Structure formats: C-alpha cells, structure tokens
Amino acid sequence: MKVETTKSHRIPSKLTFTLLTLAYLLSWTPIVAQPAAVFVRLVNSPRAVGMGSGALLLTDQESIFYNPSAMALYHLNANASATSPFGTAWIPILTDDFRLRSASLTYSFMRNQAKTSAFSLGLLFQRFSYGQVATLNMSGQPNGTSKPRDMAVGLTLGYAKTGAFKYGFGITTRYINSNLKGSGGDLFTNATASAILIDAAAMIEVPITGSKTEEKQVSLRASVLQTLIGSNLTFIQVKNADPSPKINQFGAALSAHWGPPNLRSMSLLASAQLDRDVSGATNNLSATTRAGLEVGFYEMVYGRIGAFSSDSGEPLLKSFGAGFSLNGFLKLIHHNQLDATVANNDFPFWRSVDVRFDYAKIRTLNNLAISGTKFWKVSIAWRR
C-alpha cells in the first residue's frame, strides 16, 4: 500500500510507522509485503508459532484459520470447539496496543454410524487493531483520536474420511474489511476497503506402522493449500489497488505416538512447510520456509521449537513454546480407570472437554520488529 502525504492531510506518525513495520514483518509470513488485509495471514496460534509459524500441518481446533482440510480431519474426533478472543500484542518494540484477535466456532455433523467420515462447519472472526491514533486537522494540529482496524469474518466447510488412511478437503471464504478512517473522517481520505478471499486445501495422512489401537503408531501427513480468489483492495484513492494475500502452501509432517491408546506416554510431530507468494506483488520475496518440532508427554505437557526464514536475505528467526492440556492431566490422574474398549459415551464428562493453554515466543533479535513477540491463548474443545 502506498501512503501519500498531502497539504490537507498529514499522516499520524504512529500509524505510518505501523504500516511500514507491518510490511516489513510480513516478509516473514507467507504473504505479500502489503499492509492491506495481510493480517488474515498472520499466524496467531501459539502452538504454530512455537513450531516456526507453520500451521498448515496441525490438526487441531485452530486449524480453521489456516487449513480447512485439517479442520475436517480434526472433527473426525471432535464435536465442537471454540478459541478465545484474547489478543496477541504485535510489534512489542514499538507499543503493546497493536493486537490481533481471533475467535472461532466449529461443529461436525452427518457422521455415519461407523464414525469413519464427517462433514464440518466453522465460523471464524479476526480483527487487527492499530491501537489509539491521534488524528490531525488540516493545520497538522491534534483534533482527536481514532482506532483504525482491519477485520475479517469467514465460513469454512470441510469433509474428511478415515479408513486405511485419512484424507480431507476443505474451503474457506473470508470477507475482509479495512477501515483506517478517523472518527471524523479526517485520518485518511477514502481509507476504507473490502475484499473476498477464498482458500481451498487438501490433506492426507498415511500410516507407516501401527494403528490407533496399538502401542506405537507412526504416520506421514501431507497437505497443500491454494488461494482460489483474492480480490483487490484500494486505499486512499491510490490508483493501483493492493492485492489481497494470495499464496500457495505445501507441507509434510511425521507424526508418532507411543503408549496405550487411552493415554499416550509420548508423542512427536516434526513438520516442514514452504509458502510461496503467487500475487506477484513483491520482487524480493517469493518464498518462506518453516520447520518445527513438538514433543508431548502423557497428552498433558508439550514442548516446541521452530525456525523460519524467507528468501529476502534476513537472519533465521527461531521460536519456542509450551502447552498444557487439562484433559491430559485428568487422564493421567485417572489412567487406571480408563478402558479403551469402552464406548466414549460411557466415559465421564471430563473426558469430553479439553481446556488448553499454549504459549510461544519469537527469539529477540536487534532491529527486527517481529522478534520478541509473545503469544498465548486459552481454548476449549468438546471431544467425542
């Protein structure tokens, strides 16, 4: 996005710096380096951030934001899930009021009696707030404050089936709306825009050894996501519209579990991901690579490390994180009372509810705006 200062409108320095900083930090994300609507590609999942900001291969309740086919696979084993609207403070070296908030609700239906397939439906909401910005009059004097923001609402549909292997398909449609106007309309001129963004994805998971009922299970997971439609946005009467974030993503992961099915003593997830910009908006950034490792113990405590780098020549950024599952904790306490052969409906209520807390941080490096950013989130899921 190009921002021009005219005699009648002076751009508040904080917002100017924010837009430039976003363009810079987004060179680490799988999108074009343009501030308009790129917030929908910012990874706001602490689990994913801890693993190098790669969310494509994760099959959890937050996958609704990043991979509709992964959401469908998750709902082979879950009824509904919700993520909290707690906001992550971005660009901490500047201020703590740039926040990315996200919330979602997902549900699966039309399962067959054998529980081998499911359709899933999800609703998502995202909002990036630029904090409170002082507005200026024509003379450059302060005349009030404004809270510019970007927002997206989306609908996700998915289908997944399991048998000798698992596979899923999904599609997500987002309506994006950006508003950088002041309360009196004098922050920017014509600084509103909207667009439609549609992503489609597919995922397959093939067992290498073992099965879900055995002591050890190892599987290979692969996924691809492609932007089908990304309409343009135009800000501040700029003739050349900013393209919405259009990408292709490819990834593979190795997943392994050890221990009895009712309480896995250890789990491992190693993933690698490549994100390519297909919008043609940048010349110095065309691809971002990501890699991550997650180790879990007794489905309760998780540790994560990751790294990601773009082809723009910037230093390698590293990340780390941790997670805690209340459901895993309760399963560990009551593991002697659990019987994997009993129908899930006979399990106590706490077996159906999982509350999770996840935390992640990107390693601090000098002169990199995104470094040092911390992520944390509480989420709840109702399992089958």
Protein backbone atom coordinates (compact mmCIF):
# COMPACT_ATOMS: atom_id res chain seq x y z
CA MET A 1 0.00 0.00 0.00
CA LYS A 2 1.31 3.45 -0.91
CA VAL A 3 0.58 6.25 1.52
CA GLU A 4 0.98 9.82 0.37
CA THR A 5 1.04 12.97 2.50
CA THR A 6 -0.84 15.96 1.12
CA LYS A 7 -1.10 19.53 2.29
CA SER A 8 -4.59 18.94 3.63
CA HIS A 9 -3.90 15.65 5.41
CA ARG A 10 -0.88 14.76 7.49
CA ILE A 11 -0.47 11.12 8.41
CA PRO A 12 -0.07 10.40 12.14
CA SER A 13 3.47 9.13 12.64
CA LYS A 14 2.40 6.14 14.78
CA LEU A 15 0.11 4.71 12.11
CA THR A 16 2.65 5.43 9.38
CA PHE A 17 5.29 3.53 11.32
CA THR A 18 2.81 0.72 11.96
CA LEU A 19 2.03 0.23 8.28
CA LEU A 20 5.70 0.28 7.32
CA THR A 21 6.54 -2.12 10.13
CA LEU A 22 3.76 -4.48 9.12
CA ALA A 23 5.08 -4.52 5.58
CA TYR A 24 8.49 -5.44 6.96
CA LEU A 25 7.47 -8.08 9.47
CA LEU A 26 5.14 -9.70 6.97
CA SER A 27 8.18 -10.59 4.90
CA TRP A 28 8.42 -13.40 7.47
CA THR A 29 4.91 -14.61 6.71
CA PRO A 30 3.54 -16.43 3.66
CA ILE A 31 2.06 -13.35 2.08
CA VAL A 32 2.81 -10.27 0.08
CA ALA A 33 4.51 -7.43 1.90
CA GLN A 34 1.48 -5.16 1.71
CA PRO A 35 -0.38 -3.93 4.81
CA ALA A 36 -3.86 -4.06 3.29
CA ALA A 37 -5.67 -7.15 4.63
CA VAL A 38 -2.49 -9.16 5.15
CA PHE A 39 -3.42 -9.63 8.81
CA VAL A 40 -5.51 -12.67 7.80
CA ARG A 41 -2.22 -14.49 7.09
CA LEU A 42 -0.58 -13.63 10.40
CA VAL A 43 -0.23 -16.83 12.43
CA ASN A 44 -1.91 -16.19 15.78
CA SER A 45 -1.66 -19.75 17.11
CA PRO A 46 0.89 -20.17 19.92
CA ARG A 47 1.28 -23.83 19.01
CA ALA A 48 2.08 -22.99 15.39
CA VAL A 49 4.35 -20.06 16.30
CA GLY A 50 6.38 -22.30 18.61
CA MET A 51 6.94 -24.61 15.62
CA GLY A 52 8.28 -21.96 13.25
CA SER A 53 4.95 -20.23 12.50
CA GLY A 54 3.87 -23.16 10.33
CA ALA A 55 0.21 -24.06 10.88
CA LEU A 56 -0.54 -26.00 7.68
CA LEU A 57 0.17 -29.47 9.12
CA LEU A 58 -1.54 -29.02 12.51
CA THR A 59 -4.87 -30.79 13.02
CA ASP A 60 -6.39 -29.01 16.00
CA GLN A 61 -9.25 -26.64 16.76
CA GLU A 62 -7.26 -23.63 15.50
CA SER A 63 -6.73 -25.14 12.05
CA ILE A 64 -9.96 -23.44 10.94
CA PHE A 65 -7.88 -20.27 10.45
CA TYR A 66 -5.09 -21.92 8.44
CA ASN A 67 -6.21 -25.14 6.75
CA PRO A 68 -9.87 -26.14 6.21
CA SER A 69 -8.91 -29.72 5.32
CA ALA A 70 -7.03 -30.07 8.62
CA MET A 71 -10.11 -28.77 10.44
CA ALA A 72 -12.14 -31.52 8.78
CA LEU A 73 -9.68 -34.19 9.96
CA TYR A 74 -9.77 -32.80 13.48
CA HIS A 75 -13.54 -33.17 13.53
CA LEU A 76 -13.34 -36.89 12.94
CA ASN A 77 -12.70 -36.93 16.69
CA ALA A 78 -14.45 -33.82 17.99
CA ASN A 79 -17.93 -32.35 18.08
CA ALA A 80 -17.24 -28.66 18.53
CA SER A 81 -14.50 -26.28 19.56
CA ALA A 82 -14.02 -22.62 20.39
CA THR A 83 -10.98 -20.39 20.60
CA SER A 84 -10.82 -17.43 22.93
CA PRO A 85 -10.78 -13.83 21.64
CA PHE A 86 -7.67 -12.93 23.63
CA GLY A 87 -5.44 -10.68 21.55
CA THR A 88 -1.76 -11.09 20.79
CA ALA A 89 0.28 -7.90 21.11
CA TRP A 90 2.31 -7.47 17.93
CA ILE A 91 5.45 -5.38 17.34
CA PRO A 92 6.35 -5.10 21.06
CA ILE A 93 9.38 -2.91 20.37
CA LEU A 94 7.01 -0.10 19.41
CA THR A 95 3.90 -0.43 21.54
CA ASP A 96 1.63 -3.01 23.15
CA ASP A 97 -1.69 -1.90 21.64
CA PHE A 98 -1.35 -3.44 18.17
CA ARG A 99 -3.45 -6.54 18.76
CA LEU A 100 -4.57 -9.42 16.62
CA ARG A 101 -7.73 -11.06 17.98
CA SER A 102 -9.34 -14.19 16.67
CA ALA A 103 -12.28 -16.37 17.65
CA SER A 104 -13.95 -19.38 16.07
CA LEU A 105 -16.71 -21.92 16.46
CA THR A 106 -16.67 -25.30 14.72
CA TYR A 107 -19.03 -28.24 14.60
CA SER A 108 -19.18 -31.61 12.85
CA PHE A 109 -22.35 -33.29 11.58
CA MET A 110 -23.72 -36.02 9.29
CA ARG A 111 -21.33 -38.62 10.68
CA ASN A 112 -22.11 -42.19 9.69
CA GLN A 113 -22.71 -44.83 12.34
CA ALA A 114 -19.27 -46.31 11.85
CA LYS A 115 -17.77 -42.88 12.63
CA THR A 116 -15.46 -43.05 9.66
CA SER A 117 -16.44 -39.78 7.97
CA ALA A 118 -17.69 -36.34 8.89
CA PHE A 119 -18.70 -33.00 7.44
CA SER A 120 -17.56 -29.97 9.39
CA LEU A 121 -18.68 -26.37 9.53
CA GLY A 122 -16.78 -23.47 11.03
CA LEU A 123 -17.22 -19.75 11.62
CA LEU A 124 -14.21 -17.52 12.21
CA PHE A 125 -13.54 -13.92 13.17
CA GLN A 126 -10.27 -11.95 13.01
CA ARG A 127 -9.52 -8.36 13.94
CA PHE A 128 -6.25 -6.44 13.82
CA SER A 129 -6.31 -3.22 15.84
CA TYR A 130 -3.75 -0.46 15.31
CA GLY A 131 -4.41 0.92 18.77
CA GLN A 132 -5.34 4.50 19.52
CA VAL A 133 -4.00 7.01 16.99
CA ALA A 134 -4.09 10.78 17.31
CA THR A 135 -5.84 12.47 14.38
CA LEU A 136 -4.66 15.78 12.95
CA ASN A 137 -6.52 18.66 11.35
CA MET A 138 -5.56 20.43 8.13
CA SER A 139 -3.00 22.51 10.02
CA GLY A 140 -1.35 19.44 11.49
CA GLN A 141 -2.70 20.02 14.99
CA PRO A 142 -4.24 17.20 17.08
CA ASN A 143 -8.03 17.21 16.96
CA GLY A 144 -8.99 13.86 18.49
CA THR A 145 -8.20 10.15 18.41
CA SER A 146 -9.19 7.19 16.29
CA LYS A 147 -8.88 3.39 16.42
CA PRO A 148 -8.23 2.12 12.88
CA ARG A 149 -8.64 -1.60 12.31
CA ASP A 150 -8.73 -4.46 9.83
CA MET A 151 -11.37 -7.18 10.22
CA ALA A 152 -12.38 -10.47 8.59
CA VAL A 153 -15.26 -12.89 9.04
CA GLY A 154 -15.21 -16.30 7.42
CA LEU A 155 -17.07 -19.52 6.74
CA THR A 156 -15.27 -22.88 6.48
CA LEU A 157 -16.60 -26.15 5.09
CA GLY A 158 -14.77 -29.46 5.22
CA TYR A 159 -15.13 -33.18 4.67
CA ALA A 160 -12.88 -35.95 5.99
CA LYS A 161 -12.87 -39.73 5.86
CA THR A 162 -10.76 -42.38 7.53
CA GLY A 163 -10.04 -45.98 6.64
CA ALA A 164 -6.71 -47.44 5.59
CA PHE A 165 -5.63 -43.79 5.61
CA LYS A 166 -7.20 -40.42 6.41
CA TYR A 167 -7.92 -37.68 3.92
CA GLY A 168 -9.77 -34.39 3.99
CA PHE A 169 -10.84 -31.49 1.80
CA GLY A 170 -11.95 -28.02 2.76
CA ILE A 171 -12.68 -24.49 1.58
CA THR A 172 -12.67 -21.18 3.48
CA THR A 173 -14.30 -17.93 2.35
CA ARG A 174 -13.39 -14.68 4.09
CA TYR A 175 -14.94 -11.25 3.80
CA ILE A 176 -12.25 -8.66 4.62
CA ASN A 177 -12.98 -5.09 5.65
CA SER A 178 -10.36 -2.44 6.45
CA ASN A 179 -11.08 0.94 7.99
CA LEU A 180 -8.33 3.49 8.59
CA LYS A 181 -10.63 6.49 8.82
CA GLY A 182 -10.72 8.77 11.82
CA SER A 183 -13.91 9.34 13.77
CA GLY A 184 -14.46 12.50 11.76
CA GLY A 185 -13.26 11.01 8.52
CA ASP A 186 -10.03 13.02 8.52
CA LEU A 187 -7.44 10.39 9.38
CA PHE A 188 -7.14 9.28 5.76
CA THR A 189 -9.26 10.16 2.78
CA ASN A 190 -11.27 7.25 1.41
CA ALA A 191 -9.35 4.90 3.71
CA THR A 192 -11.81 2.00 3.69
CA ALA A 193 -11.82 -1.10 1.55
CA SER A 194 -13.27 -4.62 1.36
CA ALA A 195 -12.46 -7.84 -0.47
CA ILE A 196 -13.25 -11.55 -0.71
CA LEU A 197 -10.59 -14.19 -0.14
CA ILE A 198 -11.17 -17.92 -0.87
CA ASP A 199 -8.74 -20.72 0.01
CA ALA A 200 -9.02 -24.43 -0.81
CA ALA A 201 -6.94 -27.20 0.77
CA ALA A 202 -6.43 -30.96 0.85
CA MET A 203 -4.67 -33.22 3.35
CA ILE A 204 -3.79 -36.89 3.55
CA GLU A 205 -2.38 -38.91 6.44
CA VAL A 206 -0.94 -42.36 5.71
CA PRO A 207 0.09 -44.80 8.47
CA ILE A 208 3.65 -46.08 8.24
CA THR A 209 3.45 -48.53 11.10
CA GLY A 210 0.94 -49.48 13.76
CA SER A 211 -2.67 -48.38 14.19
CA LYS A 212 -4.61 -46.18 16.57
CA THR A 213 -5.31 -49.19 18.81
CA GLU A 214 -1.67 -50.26 19.13
CA GLU A 215 1.16 -49.19 21.46
CA LYS A 216 3.08 -47.42 18.71
CA GLN A 217 1.79 -45.53 15.70
CA VAL A 218 3.77 -43.62 13.07
CA SER A 219 2.18 -41.78 10.16
CA LEU A 220 3.12 -39.40 7.37
CA ARG A 221 0.99 -36.31 6.76
CA ALA A 222 0.99 -34.09 3.66
CA SER A 223 -1.10 -31.05 2.74
CA VAL A 224 -1.47 -28.35 0.11
CA LEU A 225 -3.38 -25.05 0.22
CA GLN A 226 -4.06 -22.71 -2.67
CA THR A 227 -5.75 -19.34 -2.89
CA LEU A 228 -8.57 -19.55 -5.42
CA ILE A 229 -9.82 -15.97 -5.29
CA GLY A 230 -8.18 -12.86 -3.87
CA SER A 231 -9.90 -9.68 -4.95
CA ASN A 232 -8.17 -6.32 -4.72
CA LEU A 233 -8.38 -3.52 -2.19
CA THR A 234 -7.86 0.18 -2.89
CA PHE A 235 -6.83 2.60 -0.15
CA ILE A 236 -6.62 6.40 -0.03
CA GLN A 237 -7.53 6.80 -3.69
CA VAL A 238 -4.36 5.04 -4.83
CA LYS A 239 -4.82 4.09 -8.48
CA ASN A 240 -3.05 0.72 -8.26
CA ALA A 241 -5.05 -1.50 -5.93
CA ASP A 242 -3.23 -3.57 -3.33
CA PRO A 243 -3.66 -7.30 -3.99
CA SER A 244 -5.12 -9.37 -1.20
CA PRO A 245 -2.77 -12.03 0.20
CA LYS A 246 -2.71 -14.85 -2.33
CA ILE A 247 -0.44 -17.81 -1.56
CA ASN A 248 0.30 -21.45 -2.18
CA GLN A 249 1.43 -23.66 0.70
CA PHE A 250 2.99 -27.12 0.67
CA GLY A 251 3.99 -29.19 3.66
CA ALA A 252 4.74 -32.61 5.11
CA ALA A 253 4.95 -33.91 8.66
CA LEU A 254 5.92 -37.05 10.54
CA SER A 255 3.59 -37.90 13.43
CA ALA A 256 4.29 -40.60 16.02
CA HIS A 257 2.67 -41.83 19.26
CA TRP A 258 3.91 -44.26 21.89
CA GLY A 259 1.94 -45.87 24.71
CA PRO A 260 -1.59 -47.27 25.08
CA PRO A 261 -4.36 -45.51 23.11
CA ASN A 262 -6.17 -44.33 26.25
CA LEU A 263 -3.09 -42.38 27.39
CA ARG A 264 -0.17 -41.96 25.01
CA SER A 265 3.03 -41.66 27.04
CA MET A 266 4.82 -39.70 24.31
CA SER A 267 4.03 -38.02 21.01
CA LEU A 268 6.19 -36.45 18.32
CA LEU A 269 5.36 -34.13 15.43
CA ALA A 270 8.04 -32.92 13.01
CA SER A 271 6.89 -30.65 10.18
CA ALA A 272 8.32 -28.74 7.23
CA GLN A 273 6.46 -26.18 5.14
CA LEU A 274 7.03 -24.00 2.07
CA ASP A 275 4.93 -20.89 1.40
CA ARG A 276 5.02 -19.21 -2.00
CA ASP A 277 3.69 -15.79 -2.92
CA VAL A 278 1.57 -16.04 -6.06
CA SER A 279 0.29 -12.48 -6.05
CA GLY A 280 3.28 -11.06 -7.94
CA ALA A 281 3.31 -8.01 -5.67
CA THR A 282 6.88 -8.38 -4.47
CA ASN A 283 10.14 -8.90 -6.23
CA ASN A 284 12.41 -9.55 -3.24
CA LEU A 285 10.18 -12.10 -1.53
CA SER A 286 8.77 -15.17 -3.21
CA ALA A 287 9.08 -18.00 -0.68
CA THR A 288 9.23 -18.67 3.06
CA THR A 289 10.39 -21.95 4.59
CA ARG A 290 9.37 -23.19 8.04
CA ALA A 291 10.26 -26.14 10.23
CA GLY A 292 9.14 -27.19 13.68
CA LEU A 293 9.25 -29.94 16.27
CA GLU A 294 6.75 -30.74 19.02
CA VAL A 295 7.21 -33.32 21.78
CA GLY A 296 4.34 -34.23 24.13
CA PHE A 297 4.24 -36.27 27.32
CA TYR A 298 1.10 -38.09 28.51
CA GLU A 299 -1.06 -35.83 26.32
CA MET A 300 -0.61 -33.17 29.01
CA VAL A 301 2.65 -31.20 28.61
CA TYR A 302 4.17 -30.12 25.29
CA GLY A 303 7.44 -28.50 24.28
CA ARG A 304 8.05 -26.88 20.89
CA ILE A 305 10.89 -25.37 18.89
CA GLY A 306 10.97 -23.99 15.36
CA ALA A 307 12.67 -21.75 12.83
CA PHE A 308 11.59 -19.85 9.73
CA SER A 309 13.31 -17.82 7.05
CA SER A 310 12.43 -16.03 3.83
CA ASP A 311 14.47 -15.62 0.67
CA SER A 312 14.79 -11.88 1.37
CA GLY A 313 18.19 -12.48 3.00
CA GLU A 314 17.16 -11.69 6.58
CA PRO A 315 18.56 -13.71 9.53
CA LEU A 316 16.98 -17.00 10.52
CA LEU A 317 14.31 -16.44 13.15
CA LYS A 318 13.83 -19.05 15.85
CA SER A 319 10.89 -19.67 18.15
CA PHE A 320 9.97 -21.82 21.10
CA GLY A 321 6.82 -22.60 23.07
CA ALA A 322 4.99 -24.84 25.51
CA GLY A 323 1.47 -26.15 26.06
CA PHE A 324 -0.66 -27.68 28.78
CA SER A 325 -3.84 -29.76 28.41
CA LEU A 326 -6.27 -30.05 31.33
CA ASN A 327 -7.83 -33.11 29.74
CA GLY A 328 -4.46 -34.81 29.56
CA PHE A 329 -3.84 -34.01 33.21
CA LEU A 330 -7.14 -35.59 34.24
CA LYS A 331 -6.49 -38.64 32.06
CA LEU A 332 -3.13 -39.12 33.78
CA ILE A 333 -4.75 -38.98 37.22
CA HIS A 334 -7.47 -41.45 36.26
CA HIS A 335 -5.49 -43.61 33.85
CA ASN A 336 -6.09 -46.77 35.89
CA GLN A 337 -9.84 -46.29 35.46
CA LEU A 338 -9.78 -45.82 31.69
CA ASP A 339 -10.57 -48.62 29.32
CA ALA A 340 -10.02 -48.02 25.62
CA THR A 341 -12.56 -50.72 24.75
CA VAL A 342 -15.43 -48.84 26.43
CA ALA A 343 -17.60 -46.64 24.25
CA ASN A 344 -16.84 -42.95 24.57
CA ASN A 345 -20.40 -42.29 25.73
CA ASP A 346 -19.65 -44.30 28.87
CA PHE A 347 -16.71 -42.09 29.81
CA PRO A 348 -17.17 -39.40 32.47
CA PHE A 349 -18.00 -35.87 31.34
CA TRP A 350 -14.46 -34.59 31.77
CA ARG A 351 -13.30 -36.95 29.04
CA SER A 352 -15.33 -34.92 26.53
CA VAL A 353 -13.95 -31.50 27.43
CA ASP A 354 -10.43 -30.23 26.88
CA VAL A 355 -9.15 -26.86 28.06
CA ARG A 356 -5.73 -25.92 26.72
CA PHE A 357 -3.20 -23.20 27.46
CA ASP A 358 -0.44 -22.53 24.94
CA TYR A 359 2.45 -20.06 24.94
CA ALA A 360 5.11 -19.15 22.39
CA LYS A 361 7.78 -16.52 21.81
CA ILE A 362 9.87 -15.50 18.83
CA ARG A 363 13.53 -15.06 19.70
CA THR A 364 14.58 -11.46 20.16
CA LEU A 365 16.93 -10.04 17.53
CA ASN A 366 18.05 -6.45 17.14
CA ASN A 367 16.23 -4.35 14.55
CA LEU A 368 13.64 -6.99 13.72
CA ALA A 369 10.18 -5.73 14.57
CA ILE A 370 8.51 -9.11 14.95
CA SER A 371 11.20 -10.55 17.22
CA GLY A 372 10.33 -10.77 20.89
CA THR A 373 6.61 -11.07 20.17
CA LYS A 374 4.85 -13.33 22.70
CA PHE A 375 1.76 -15.41 22.02
CA TRP A 376 -0.62 -17.05 24.47
CA LYS A 377 -4.12 -18.39 24.17
CA VAL A 378 -6.74 -20.40 26.06
CA SER A 379 -9.01 -22.69 24.03
CA ILE A 380 -11.72 -25.22 24.76
CA ALA A 381 -12.92 -28.21 22.75
CA TRP A 382 -15.71 -30.76 23.15
CA ARG A 383 -14.46 -34.16 22.07
CA ARG A 384 -16.31 -37.32 21.07
